[in-house]
C-alpha atoms as a PDB file:
ATOM      1  CA  MET A   1     -27.040-200.127  62.398  1.00  0.00           C
ATOM      2  CA  LEU A   2     -25.897-202.824  60.062  1.00  0.00           C
ATOM      3  CA  ALA A   3     -28.051-205.050  58.669  1.00  0.00           C
ATOM      4  CA  ASP A   4     -27.582-209.358  57.979  1.00  0.00           C
ATOM      5  CA  LEU A   5     -25.581-209.004  60.738  1.00  0.00           C
ATOM      6  CA  THR A   6     -25.711-210.659  63.981  1.00  0.00           C
ATOM      7  CA  PRO A   7     -23.667-208.464  66.377  1.00  0.00           C
ATOM      8  CA  THR A   8     -21.573-209.850  69.689  1.00  0.00           C
ATOM      9  CA  ALA A   9     -22.664-206.790  71.650  1.00  0.00           C
ATOM     10  CA  THR A  10     -24.759-203.916  71.262  1.00  0.00           C
ATOM     11  CA  GLY A  11     -25.305-200.349  73.192  1.00  0.00           C
ATOM     12  CA  ALA A  12     -25.970-196.770  73.120  1.00  0.00           C
ATOM     13  CA  VAL A  13     -24.088-193.601  74.496  1.00  0.00           C
ATOM     14  CA  VAL A  14     -26.124-190.421  75.686  1.00  0.00           C
ATOM     15  CA  ARG A  15     -25.241-187.013  74.810  1.00  0.00           C
ATOM     16  CA  ALA A  16     -27.686-184.076  75.665  1.00  0.00           C
ATOM     17  CA  GLY A  17     -30.377-186.682  76.338  1.00  0.00           C
ATOM     18  CA  GLN A  18     -29.714-188.282  72.834  1.00  0.00           C
ATOM     19  CA  ARG A  19     -29.221-192.057  72.279  1.00  0.00           C
ATOM     20  CA  ILE A  20     -26.191-193.357  70.316  1.00  0.00           C
ATOM     21  CA  ALA A  21     -26.253-196.594  69.102  1.00  0.00           C
ATOM     22  CA  TRP A  22     -23.174-198.749  68.829  1.00  0.00           C
ATOM     23  CA  GLN A  23     -22.796-203.052  67.770  1.00  0.00           C
ATOM     24  CA  GLU A  24     -19.409-205.085  67.807  1.00  0.00           C
ATOM     25  CA  PHE A  25     -18.375-207.283  65.894  1.00  0.00           C
ATOM     26  CA  GLY A  26     -15.468-210.651  65.998  1.00  0.00           C
ATOM     27  CA  ALA A  27     -12.786-210.267  68.808  1.00  0.00           C
ATOM     28  CA  GLY A  28      -9.491-209.918  69.211  1.00  0.00           C
ATOM     29  CA  GLU A  29      -6.620-207.803  71.032  1.00  0.00           C
ATOM     30  CA  HIS A  30      -6.802-205.364  68.308  1.00  0.00           C
ATOM     31  CA  VAL A  31      -9.725-203.282  67.468  1.00  0.00           C
ATOM     32  CA  VAL A  32     -11.076-201.648  64.376  1.00  0.00           C
ATOM     33  CA  LEU A  33     -13.645-198.147  64.708  1.00  0.00           C
ATOM     34  CA  LEU A  34     -15.798-197.534  62.798  1.00  0.00           C
ATOM     35  CA  LEU A  35     -17.382-194.191  62.307  1.00  0.00           C
ATOM     36  CA  PRO A  36     -20.694-193.247  60.965  1.00  0.00           C
ATOM     37  CA  THR A  37     -20.972-190.914  57.788  1.00  0.00           C
ATOM     38  CA  TRP A  38     -23.319-187.586  56.920  1.00  0.00           C
ATOM     39  CA  THR A  39     -26.517-188.215  58.230  1.00  0.00           C
ATOM     40  CA  ILE A  40     -28.258-189.206  54.686  1.00  0.00           C
ATOM     41  CA  VAL A  41     -27.129-192.967  55.657  1.00  0.00           C
ATOM     42  CA  HIS A  42     -26.379-195.357  58.255  1.00  0.00           C
ATOM     43  CA  THR A  43     -23.675-198.159  59.544  1.00  0.00           C
ATOM     44  CA  ASP A  44     -25.017-200.338  56.733  1.00  0.00           C
ATOM     45  CA  PHE A  45     -22.430-198.732  54.056  1.00  0.00           C
ATOM     46  CA  TRP A  46     -19.747-200.587  56.195  1.00  0.00           C
ATOM     47  CA  ARG A  47     -21.258-203.387  54.844  1.00  0.00           C
ATOM     48  CA  HIS A  48     -18.818-205.001  53.259  1.00  0.00           C
ATOM     49  CA  GLN A  49     -15.999-204.383  55.810  1.00  0.00           C
ATOM     50  CA  VAL A  50     -17.608-205.780  58.709  1.00  0.00           C
ATOM     51  CA  PRO A  51     -17.707-209.464  58.553  1.00  0.00           C
ATOM     52  CA  PHE A  52     -13.937-209.365  56.573  1.00  0.00           C
ATOM     53  CA  LEU A  53     -12.379-207.641  59.335  1.00  0.00           C
ATOM     54  CA  ALA A  54     -14.177-209.122  61.755  1.00  0.00           C
ATOM     55  CA  GLU A  55     -12.320-212.622  60.639  1.00  0.00           C
ATOM     56  CA  ARG A  56      -9.384-211.163  63.133  1.00  0.00           C
ATOM     57  CA  TYR A  57     -10.285-207.758  64.674  1.00  0.00           C
ATOM     58  CA  ARG A  58     -13.034-206.957  67.376  1.00  0.00           C
ATOM     59  CA  VAL A  59     -14.728-204.067  64.969  1.00  0.00           C
ATOM     60  CA  ILE A  60     -17.099-201.558  66.952  1.00  0.00           C
ATOM     61  CA  ALA A  61     -19.599-199.710  64.485  1.00  0.00           C
ATOM     62  CA  PHE A  62     -21.935-196.847  66.099  1.00  0.00           C
ATOM     63  CA  ASP A  63     -24.682-194.859  64.337  1.00  0.00           C
ATOM     64  CA  GLY A  64     -24.677-191.064  64.185  1.00  0.00           C
ATOM     65  CA  LEU A  65     -27.103-188.965  65.130  1.00  0.00           C
ATOM     66  CA  GLY A  66     -29.715-188.725  62.721  1.00  0.00           C
ATOM     67  CA  ASN A  67     -30.217-192.358  60.983  1.00  0.00           C
ATOM     68  CA  GLY A  68     -29.603-196.075  61.975  1.00  0.00           C
ATOM     69  CA  GLY A  69     -30.320-196.777  65.417  1.00  0.00           C
ATOM     70  CA  SER A  70     -29.839-193.087  66.695  1.00  0.00           C
ATOM     71  CA  ASP A  71     -31.958-190.849  67.487  1.00  0.00           C
ATOM     72  CA  ARG A  72     -32.794-187.827  64.755  1.00  0.00           C
ATOM     73  CA  PRO A  73     -33.120-184.529  66.789  1.00  0.00           C
ATOM     74  CA  GLU A  74     -34.045-181.375  65.005  1.00  0.00           C
ATOM     75  CA  ASP A  75     -31.645-179.457  66.953  1.00  0.00           C
ATOM     76  CA  PRO A  76     -28.900-178.082  64.923  1.00  0.00           C
ATOM     77  CA  GLU A  77     -27.144-177.406  67.936  1.00  0.00           C
ATOM     78  CA  LEU A  78     -26.655-181.284  68.571  1.00  0.00           C
ATOM     79  CA  TYR A  79     -24.475-181.866  64.887  1.00  0.00           C
ATOM     80  CA  GLY A  80     -20.727-181.266  64.454  1.00  0.00           C
ATOM     81  CA  ASP A  81     -17.168-182.423  63.490  1.00  0.00           C
ATOM     82  CA  LEU A  82     -15.628-181.755  66.793  1.00  0.00           C
ATOM     83  CA  LEU A  83     -19.379-183.447  68.583  1.00  0.00           C
ATOM     84  CA  VAL A  84     -18.807-186.927  66.442  1.00  0.00           C
ATOM     85  CA  ALA A  85     -14.866-187.410  67.757  1.00  0.00           C
ATOM     86  CA  ALA A  86     -16.285-187.144  71.483  1.00  0.00           C
ATOM     87  CA  ASP A  87     -19.295-189.649  70.284  1.00  0.00           C
ATOM     88  CA  ALA A  88     -16.538-191.757  69.254  1.00  0.00           C
ATOM     89  CA  VAL A  89     -14.423-191.542  72.452  1.00  0.00           C
ATOM     90  CA  ALA A  90     -17.532-192.213  74.710  1.00  0.00           C
ATOM     91  CA  VAL A  91     -18.273-195.192  72.508  1.00  0.00           C
ATOM     92  CA  LEU A  92     -14.453-196.253  72.786  1.00  0.00           C
ATOM     93  CA  ASP A  93     -15.048-196.126  76.719  1.00  0.00           C
ATOM     94  CA  ALA A  94     -18.467-198.028  77.096  1.00  0.00           C
ATOM     95  CA  CYS A  95     -17.002-200.549  74.880  1.00  0.00           C
ATOM     96  CA  GLY A  96     -13.654-200.625  77.431  1.00  0.00           C
ATOM     97  CA  VAL A  97     -11.487-199.946  74.725  1.00  0.00           C
ATOM     98  CA  ASP A  98      -8.026-198.040  74.879  1.00  0.00           C
ATOM     99  CA  ARG A  99      -6.986-197.102  71.588  1.00  0.00           C
ATOM    100  CA  ALA A 100      -8.567-198.615  68.301  1.00  0.00           C
ATOM    101  CA  VAL A 101      -7.394-198.160  64.234  1.00  0.00           C
ATOM    102  CA  VAL A 102     -10.200-195.548  63.147  1.00  0.00           C
ATOM    103  CA  MET A 103     -11.393-195.693  59.727  1.00  0.00           C
ATOM    104  CA  GLY A 104     -13.699-192.917  58.132  1.00  0.00           C
ATOM    105  CA  VAL A 105     -15.331-192.280  54.945  1.00  0.00           C
ATOM    106  CA  SER A 106     -16.474-189.120  53.668  1.00  0.00           C
ATOM    107  CA  ALA A 107     -17.797-186.880  56.664  1.00  0.00           C
ATOM    108  CA  GLY A 108     -16.281-189.777  58.730  1.00  0.00           C
ATOM    109  CA  GLY A 109     -12.716-188.652  57.003  1.00  0.00           C
ATOM    110  CA  THR A 110     -13.167-185.199  58.610  1.00  0.00           C
ATOM    111  CA  TRP A 111     -13.954-186.943  62.058  1.00  0.00           C
ATOM    112  CA  ALA A 112     -11.399-189.151  62.171  1.00  0.00           C
ATOM    113  CA  LEU A 113      -9.029-186.007  62.197  1.00  0.00           C
ATOM    114  CA  ALA A 114     -10.369-184.609  64.578  1.00  0.00           C
ATOM    115  CA  LEU A 115     -10.482-188.173  66.484  1.00  0.00           C
ATOM    116  CA  ALA A 116      -7.245-188.939  65.721  1.00  0.00           C
ATOM    117  CA  GLY A 117      -5.511-185.585  66.044  1.00  0.00           C
ATOM    118  CA  LEU A 118      -7.513-183.763  68.899  1.00  0.00           C
ATOM    119  CA  HIS A 119      -6.964-187.402  70.945  1.00  0.00           C
ATOM    120  CA  PRO A 120      -3.791-189.479  69.934  1.00  0.00           C
ATOM    121  CA  ASP A 121      -3.935-191.590  72.834  1.00  0.00           C
ATOM    122  CA  ARG A 122      -6.802-193.800  72.036  1.00  0.00           C
ATOM    123  CA  VAL A 123      -6.175-193.605  68.132  1.00  0.00           C
ATOM    124  CA  ALA A 124      -3.698-196.442  67.130  1.00  0.00           C
ATOM    125  CA  GLY A 125      -3.824-195.717  63.443  1.00  0.00           C
ATOM    126  CA  ALA A 126      -6.408-194.112  60.756  1.00  0.00           C
ATOM    127  CA  VAL A 127      -7.859-195.021  57.310  1.00  0.00           C
ATOM    128  CA  PHE A 128      -9.349-192.197  55.207  1.00  0.00           C
ATOM    129  CA  ILE A 129     -11.387-193.424  52.695  1.00  0.00           C
ATOM    130  CA  GLY A 130     -13.567-190.458  50.337  1.00  0.00           C
ATOM    131  CA  ALA A 131     -12.430-188.050  52.965  1.00  0.00           C
ATOM    132  CA  ASN A 132     -13.818-184.909  52.840  1.00  0.00           C
ATOM    133  CA  PRO A 133     -12.136-182.643  55.494  1.00  0.00           C
ATOM    134  CA  PRO A 134     -11.796-178.476  54.324  1.00  0.00           C
ATOM    135  CA  LEU A 135      -8.075-178.835  53.151  1.00  0.00           C
ATOM    136  CA  ALA A 136      -8.287-178.019  49.459  1.00  0.00           C
ATOM    137  CA  PRO A 137     -11.555-176.305  47.826  1.00  0.00           C
ATOM    138  CA  GLY A 138     -14.460-178.526  46.723  1.00  0.00           C
ATOM    139  CA  HIS A 139     -15.963-179.109  43.179  1.00  0.00           C
ATOM    140  CA  PRO A 140     -17.142-175.757  41.770  1.00  0.00           C
ATOM    141  CA  VAL A 141     -20.646-177.114  41.121  1.00  0.00           C
ATOM    142  CA  ARG A 142     -20.910-178.258  44.550  1.00  0.00           C
ATOM    143  CA  VAL A 143     -19.699-174.829  45.507  1.00  0.00           C
ATOM    144  CA  ALA A 144     -22.051-173.312  43.727  1.00  0.00           C
ATOM    145  CA  ALA A 145     -24.939-175.206  44.754  1.00  0.00           C
ATOM    146  CA  ASN A 146     -24.175-174.128  48.467  1.00  0.00           C
ATOM    147  CA  ALA A 147     -24.338-170.242  47.261  1.00  0.00           C
ATOM    148  CA  THR A 148     -27.837-171.106  46.449  1.00  0.00           C
ATOM    149  CA  PHE A 149     -28.535-173.953  49.026  1.00  0.00           C
ATOM    150  CA  ASP A 150     -31.320-171.328  50.563  1.00  0.00           C
ATOM    151  CA  ASP A 151     -32.905-169.699  47.746  1.00  0.00           C
ATOM    152  CA  VAL A 152     -36.113-170.302  46.084  1.00  0.00           C
ATOM    153  CA  LEU A 153     -35.341-171.833  42.840  1.00  0.00           C
ATOM    154  CA  THR A 154     -37.843-172.077  40.065  1.00  0.00           C
ATOM    155  CA  GLU A 155     -35.863-175.245  38.557  1.00  0.00           C
ATOM    156  CA  HIS A 156     -33.599-178.055  40.275  1.00  0.00           C
ATOM    157  CA  PRO A 157     -31.507-179.453  37.313  1.00  0.00           C
ATOM    158  CA  GLY A 158     -28.326-181.560  38.825  1.00  0.00           C
ATOM    159  CA  TRP A 159     -26.353-180.578  41.223  1.00  0.00           C
ATOM    160  CA  ALA A 160     -29.511-177.315  41.576  1.00  0.00           C
ATOM    161  CA  ARG A 161     -31.133-180.227  44.313  1.00  0.00           C
ATOM    162  CA  TRP A 162     -29.278-179.009  46.413  1.00  0.00           C
ATOM    163  CA  ASN A 163     -31.513-177.073  48.636  1.00  0.00           C
ATOM    164  CA  ARG A 164     -33.424-176.381  51.360  1.00  0.00           C
ATOM    165  CA  HIS A 165     -36.346-176.295  49.973  1.00  0.00           C
ATOM    166  CA  TYR A 166     -36.233-179.169  47.214  1.00  0.00           C
ATOM    167  CA  TRP A 167     -35.344-181.844  50.316  1.00  0.00           C
ATOM    168  CA  LEU A 168     -38.436-180.674  51.981  1.00  0.00           C
ATOM    169  CA  GLU A 169     -40.735-181.165  48.703  1.00  0.00           C
ATOM    170  CA  GLN A 170     -38.978-183.615  46.936  1.00  0.00           C
ATOM    171  CA  TYR A 171     -36.634-185.496  48.973  1.00  0.00           C
ATOM    172  CA  ALA A 172     -36.608-189.278  47.582  1.00  0.00           C
ATOM    173  CA  ASP A 173     -35.489-187.344  44.363  1.00  0.00           C
ATOM    174  CA  PHE A 174     -32.960-185.298  45.876  1.00  0.00           C
ATOM    175  CA  LEU A 175     -31.667-188.595  47.293  1.00  0.00           C
ATOM    176  CA  GLN A 176     -31.827-190.435  44.226  1.00  0.00           C
ATOM    177  CA  PHE A 177     -29.460-187.991  42.545  1.00  0.00           C
ATOM    178  CA  PHE A 178     -27.070-187.351  45.564  1.00  0.00           C
ATOM    179  CA  PHE A 179     -26.302-191.139  45.775  1.00  0.00           C
ATOM    180  CA  SER A 180     -25.734-191.486  41.485  1.00  0.00           C
ATOM    181  CA  GLN A 181     -22.871-188.724  42.554  1.00  0.00           C
ATOM    182  CA  CYS A 182     -21.266-190.655  45.172  1.00  0.00           C
ATOM    183  CA  PHE A 183     -21.703-193.787  42.307  1.00  0.00           C
ATOM    184  CA  THR A 184     -20.101-192.478  39.317  1.00  0.00           C
ATOM    185  CA  GLU A 185     -18.757-195.637  38.117  1.00  0.00           C
ATOM    186  CA  PRO A 186     -21.141-197.745  35.609  1.00  0.00           C
ATOM    187  CA  GLY A 187     -23.514-200.065  36.728  1.00  0.00           C
ATOM    188  CA  SER A 188     -24.138-198.698  40.386  1.00  0.00           C
ATOM    189  CA  ALA A 189     -27.456-199.492  40.397  1.00  0.00           C
ATOM    190  CA  THR A 190     -27.504-201.571  43.440  1.00  0.00           C
ATOM    191  CA  GLN A 191     -25.253-199.520  45.190  1.00  0.00           C
ATOM    192  CA  ILE A 192     -27.669-196.792  44.509  1.00  0.00           C
ATOM    193  CA  GLU A 193     -30.167-198.725  45.995  1.00  0.00           C
ATOM    194  CA  HIS A 194     -29.009-199.849  48.891  1.00  0.00           C
ATOM    195  CA  PHE A 195     -27.726-195.741  50.225  1.00  0.00           C
ATOM    196  CA  LEU A 196     -31.306-195.054  48.824  1.00  0.00           C
ATOM    197  CA  SER A 197     -32.836-197.238  51.286  1.00  0.00           C
ATOM    198  CA  MET A 198     -30.453-195.937  54.342  1.00  0.00           C
ATOM    199  CA  GLY A 199     -31.181-192.714  53.380  1.00  0.00           C
ATOM    200  CA  LEU A 200     -35.539-193.053  53.461  1.00  0.00           C
ATOM    201  CA  GLN A 201     -34.791-194.288  56.935  1.00  0.00           C
ATOM    202  CA  THR A 202     -34.061-190.368  57.902  1.00  0.00           C
ATOM    203  CA  THR A 203     -36.018-186.930  57.602  1.00  0.00           C
ATOM    204  CA  PRO A 204     -35.080-183.539  54.911  1.00  0.00           C
ATOM    205  CA  GLN A 205     -35.727-181.979  58.995  1.00  0.00           C
ATOM    206  CA  VAL A 206     -33.391-184.190  60.058  1.00  0.00           C
ATOM    207  CA  LEU A 207     -30.974-184.091  56.908  1.00  0.00           C
ATOM    208  CA  LEU A 208     -30.885-179.995  57.550  1.00  0.00           C
ATOM    209  CA  ALA A 209     -30.609-180.093  61.083  1.00  0.00           C
ATOM    210  CA  SER A 210     -26.906-181.894  60.573  1.00  0.00           C
ATOM    211  CA  ALA A 211     -25.341-179.476  58.948  1.00  0.00           C
ATOM    212  CA  GLY A 212     -25.246-178.034  62.784  1.00  0.00           C
ATOM    213  CA  THR A 213     -24.401-174.041  62.959  1.00  0.00           C
ATOM    214  CA  GLY A 214     -21.049-174.256  62.698  1.00  0.00           C
ATOM    215  CA  ASP A 215     -19.800-174.217  66.146  1.00  0.00           C
ATOM    216  CA  HIS A 216     -18.450-177.419  66.652  1.00  0.00           C
ATOM    217  CA  ASP A 217     -17.130-177.975  62.722  1.00  0.00           C
ATOM    218  CA  LEU A 218     -13.370-178.096  61.928  1.00  0.00           C
ATOM    219  CA  THR A 219     -11.825-174.562  60.256  1.00  0.00           C
ATOM    220  CA  PRO A 220      -9.899-175.126  57.299  1.00  0.00           C
ATOM    221  CA  GLN A 221      -6.730-173.962  59.767  1.00  0.00           C
ATOM    222  CA  GLN A 222      -7.596-176.730  62.480  1.00  0.00           C
ATOM    223  CA  ALA A 223      -7.976-179.141  59.673  1.00  0.00           C
ATOM    224  CA  VAL A 224      -4.483-178.456  59.109  1.00  0.00           C
ATOM    225  CA  ASP A 225      -3.016-178.374  62.359  1.00  0.00           C
ATOM    226  CA  LEU A 226      -4.579-181.963  62.860  1.00  0.00           C
ATOM    227  CA  ALA A 227      -2.953-183.516  59.711  1.00  0.00           C
ATOM    228  CA  ARG A 228       0.187-181.636  60.321  1.00  0.00           C
ATOM    229  CA  SER A 229      -0.117-183.395  63.886  1.00  0.00           C
ATOM    230  CA  LEU A 230      -1.046-186.498  63.295  1.00  0.00           C
ATOM    231  CA  ALA A 231       1.187-188.932  64.913  1.00  0.00           C
ATOM    232  CA  CYS A 232      -0.484-192.342  64.050  1.00  0.00           C
ATOM    233  CA  PRO A 233      -0.138-194.469  61.204  1.00  0.00           C
ATOM    234  CA  SER A 234      -2.201-193.148  58.229  1.00  0.00           C
ATOM    235  CA  LEU A 235      -3.825-194.171  54.996  1.00  0.00           C
ATOM    236  CA  VAL A 236      -5.622-192.287  52.306  1.00  0.00           C
ATOM    237  CA  ILE A 237      -7.884-194.127  50.045  1.00  0.00           C
ATOM    238  CA  HIS A 238      -9.367-191.907  47.159  1.00  0.00           C
ATOM    239  CA  GLY A 239     -11.154-192.335  43.677  1.00  0.00           C
ATOM    240  CA  ASP A 240     -10.272-190.564  40.916  1.00  0.00           C
ATOM    241  CA  ALA A 241     -13.657-190.017  39.684  1.00  0.00           C
ATOM    242  CA  ASP A 242     -15.220-188.619  43.141  1.00  0.00           C
ATOM    243  CA  ALA A 243     -18.003-186.567  42.477  1.00  0.00           C
ATOM    244  CA  ILE A 244     -18.532-185.548  46.111  1.00  0.00           C
ATOM    245  CA  SER A 245     -15.358-184.980  47.092  1.00  0.00           C
ATOM    246  CA  PRO A 246     -11.972-183.824  44.817  1.00  0.00           C
ATOM    247  CA  LEU A 247      -9.061-185.696  44.971  1.00  0.00           C
ATOM    248  CA  ALA A 248      -7.047-182.415  46.080  1.00  0.00           C
ATOM    249  CA  ARG A 249      -8.286-182.981  49.497  1.00  0.00           C
ATOM    250  CA  ALA A 250      -7.274-186.277  49.539  1.00  0.00           C
ATOM    251  CA  ALA A 251      -3.569-185.479  48.373  1.00  0.00           C
ATOM    252  CA  GLU A 252      -2.739-182.322  50.702  1.00  0.00           C
ATOM    253  CA  LEU A 253      -4.489-184.810  53.810  1.00  0.00           C
ATOM    254  CA  ALA A 254      -1.830-187.534  52.555  1.00  0.00           C
ATOM    255  CA  ARG A 255       0.747-184.431  52.172  1.00  0.00           C
ATOM    256  CA  LEU A 256      -0.189-182.975  55.687  1.00  0.00           C
ATOM    257  CA  ALA A 257      -0.451-186.244  57.665  1.00  0.00           C
ATOM    258  CA  ARG A 258       2.765-188.031  55.686  1.00  0.00           C
ATOM    259  CA  ALA A 259      -0.121-190.573  54.738  1.00  0.00           C
ATOM    260  CA  GLU A 260      -0.179-193.019  52.255  1.00  0.00           C
ATOM    261  CA  LEU A 261      -2.339-192.203  49.143  1.00  0.00           C
ATOM    262  CA  VAL A 262      -4.001-194.692  47.321  1.00  0.00           C
ATOM    263  CA  VAL A 263      -5.987-193.513  44.584  1.00  0.00           C
ATOM    264  CA  LEU A 264      -8.270-195.522  42.704  1.00  0.00           C
ATOM    265  CA  PRO A 265      -8.710-195.024  38.722  1.00  0.00           C
ATOM    266  CA  GLY A 266     -12.652-194.932  37.848  1.00  0.00           C
ATOM    267  CA  SER A 267     -13.481-194.705  41.402  1.00  0.00           C
ATOM    268  CA  GLY A 268     -16.239-192.603  42.976  1.00  0.00           C
ATOM    269  CA  HIS A 269     -17.007-191.352  46.226  1.00  0.00           C
ATOM    270  CA  GLU A 270     -17.699-194.999  48.181  1.00  0.00           C
ATOM    271  CA  PRO A 271     -15.353-197.644  47.171  1.00  0.00           C
ATOM    272  CA  GLN A 272     -15.718-199.961  50.147  1.00  0.00           C
ATOM    273  CA  CYS A 273     -19.438-200.237  48.880  1.00  0.00           C
ATOM    274  CA  ARG A 274     -18.875-200.578  45.248  1.00  0.00           C
ATOM    275  CA  ASN A 275     -15.162-202.213  44.769  1.00  0.00           C
ATOM    276  CA  PRO A 276     -14.517-204.105  48.610  1.00  0.00           C
ATOM    277  CA  GLU A 277     -12.822-206.466  46.651  1.00  0.00           C
ATOM    278  CA  VAL A 278      -9.626-203.996  45.875  1.00  0.00           C
ATOM    279  CA  VAL A 279     -10.510-202.062  49.322  1.00  0.00           C
ATOM    280  CA  ASN A 280     -10.663-204.723  51.600  1.00  0.00           C
ATOM    281  CA  PRO A 281      -7.079-205.806  50.575  1.00  0.00           C
ATOM    282  CA  LEU A 282      -5.467-202.234  51.366  1.00  0.00           C
ATOM    283  CA  LEU A 283      -7.478-202.375  54.840  1.00  0.00           C
ATOM    284  CA  ASP A 284      -6.026-205.694  55.582  1.00  0.00           C
ATOM    285  CA  ARG A 285      -2.336-204.790  54.801  1.00  0.00           C
ATOM    286  CA  PHE A 286      -2.958-201.778  56.707  1.00  0.00           C
ATOM    287  CA  LEU A 287      -3.707-203.210  59.913  1.00  0.00           C
ATOM    288  CA  GLN A 288      -1.172-205.913  59.885  1.00  0.00           C
ATOM    289  CA  HIS A 289       1.236-202.606  59.518  1.00  0.00           C
ATOM    290  CA  VAL A 290      -0.200-201.011  62.349  1.00  0.00           C
ATOM    291  CA  PHE A 291      -1.085-204.797  64.795  1.00  0.00           C
ATOM    292  CA  VAL A 292       2.466-205.732  64.548  1.00  0.00           C
ATOM    293  CA  PRO A 293       3.147-208.697  66.439  1.00  0.00           C
ATOM    294  CA  THR A 294       4.628-207.813  69.614  1.00  0.00           C
END
């Protein structure tokens, strides 16, 4: 959950017996829905956007299963792109919201795509930051690490830490490495420490389960079809030093969705946390375009 901020309302929705917690901030006619991202962190990664946006808009954020204020099941069947999109609809319903601008970071960008594509009546606009939908090949070093994820390795340099057995045995070290790859910008120790504190609030067992079974994930073809079908205004923000999701994925998303693409020079995977002074004005400009006074 978002720390050090006082929500105007809180609540939860329940799916398959699991509690999914949400918080609401600000007030107003127009609503912004901030999606969660991978279970490795909770919604405090939006800490620089919520107070900024809540000055003008009603802002709703929720923790996906596995971290923050939500339950932490270890059943892979409960995780997947389409399930999170359905959770988002349930949160909107619980808050009495018909339509919102949705924003997602990393995996949250994939979930924003699923939500906007499958429920266009609920989405007034979409923002994708460091988005990671399967629209282009991943970084080769990450693809190679995925290929040995289940193997028992004798050494774990670099991305070899992306390994089932290493997570279970050296979870904190994996987190430290992974977040160093999220923040490739020099001088990011504060941000890495913040994300590490969130990662330690869940477990490697939950993280492994969060990979899901694949039954509820977008396939590359589904991602292409949904991106082409987007009817709402969209903004794609991506750093050209993103070590998690290649810029090519953002470029293809923007091309297919006919969205504006903003490339941030020298920026890594989490520009909303590392450079909010750059990202927040982009969000504000986009929202003012979507929420044109009537």
